[in-house]
Amino acid sequence: MPAIVGAFKVNSVGTSGIVHIGDVITISPYSEVKTFAGAGSFNTGDGLNIYNQNSVTNTYDNDVIDQPSAGNL
């Protein structure tokens, strides 16, 4: 059944967001990201004691493409 849509206003859409108006079979959001994090970056919990002395994160990446995304949309 067709959708009947009145007036709408889109203020912003995030990088992997979707604006859907009307009928659809499949919606597949798509995004890619590269994360660099040093020692102890993703620790969670109560009362953590973390000792990292001299922590250095190497962000040098000499290859241009890590995983090609062409054709994956």
Protein backbone atom coordinates (compact mmCIF):
# COMPACT_ATOMS: atom_id res chain seq x y z
CA MET A 1 0.00 0.00 0.00
CA PRO A 2 1.50 3.38 -0.94
CA ALA A 3 2.41 5.73 1.86
CA ILE A 4 0.88 9.19 2.06
CA VAL A 5 3.38 11.67 3.46
CA GLY A 6 2.75 15.27 4.36
CA ALA A 7 5.32 18.05 4.68
CA PHE A 8 8.53 17.23 6.52
CA LYS A 9 11.86 18.90 7.28
CA VAL A 10 15.22 17.14 7.66
CA ASN A 11 17.59 19.15 9.86
CA SER A 12 20.53 16.76 9.65
CA VAL A 13 21.45 13.18 8.88
CA GLY A 14 24.45 11.47 10.45
CA THR A 15 27.20 9.75 8.47
CA SER A 16 25.52 6.34 8.62
CA GLY A 17 21.96 7.60 9.03
CA ILE A 18 19.00 6.88 6.77
CA VAL A 19 16.07 9.07 5.80
CA HIS A 20 13.18 6.84 4.82
CA ILE A 21 9.96 8.16 3.31
CA GLY A 22 7.43 5.79 1.76
CA ASP A 23 7.51 2.06 1.09
CA VAL A 24 10.67 -0.04 1.29
CA ILE A 25 11.71 -3.70 1.24
CA THR A 26 15.20 -3.47 2.73
CA ILE A 27 17.17 -0.70 4.45
CA SER A 28 20.90 -1.24 4.89
CA PRO A 29 22.88 1.54 6.60
CA TYR A 30 26.54 1.62 5.63
CA SER A 31 29.56 3.23 7.27
CA GLU A 32 33.24 2.56 7.76
CA VAL A 33 35.69 3.79 10.38
CA LYS A 34 39.30 3.29 11.44
CA THR A 35 39.99 3.53 15.17
CA PHE A 36 43.34 4.08 16.83
CA ALA A 37 43.49 3.60 20.59
CA GLY A 38 46.30 3.33 23.09
CA ALA A 39 46.73 1.03 26.05
CA GLY A 40 43.78 1.13 28.43
CA SER A 41 41.54 3.10 26.05
CA PHE A 42 38.54 0.78 26.10
CA ASN A 43 38.64 -0.29 29.75
CA THR A 44 35.31 0.02 31.57
CA GLY A 45 34.14 -0.83 35.03
CA ASP A 46 34.19 0.36 38.62
CA GLY A 47 37.44 0.93 40.49
CA LEU A 48 39.94 0.28 37.68
CA ASN A 49 43.65 0.54 38.39
CA ILE A 50 45.57 0.84 35.13
CA TYR A 51 49.33 1.29 34.93
CA ASN A 52 50.57 1.95 31.40
CA GLN A 53 53.90 3.65 32.06
CA ASN A 54 54.91 5.01 28.62
CA SER A 55 52.01 4.28 26.29
CA VAL A 56 52.36 5.28 22.63
CA THR A 57 49.89 4.55 19.84
CA ASN A 58 51.40 4.23 16.37
CA THR A 59 48.96 5.77 13.88
CA TYR A 60 51.24 5.51 10.85
CA ASP A 61 49.50 3.44 8.17
CA ASN A 62 51.61 3.10 5.02
CA ASP A 63 49.00 1.28 2.94
CA VAL A 64 46.30 3.49 1.45
CA ILE A 65 43.40 1.02 1.48
CA ASP A 66 42.87 -1.43 4.35
CA GLN A 67 39.67 -3.08 3.14
CA PRO A 68 38.16 -1.93 -0.15
CA SER A 69 34.50 -0.98 0.07
CA ALA A 70 33.83 -0.69 -3.69
CA GLY A 71 30.80 -2.73 -4.68
CA ASN A 72 29.70 -3.26 -1.06
CA LEU A 73 26.98 -0.62 -1.00
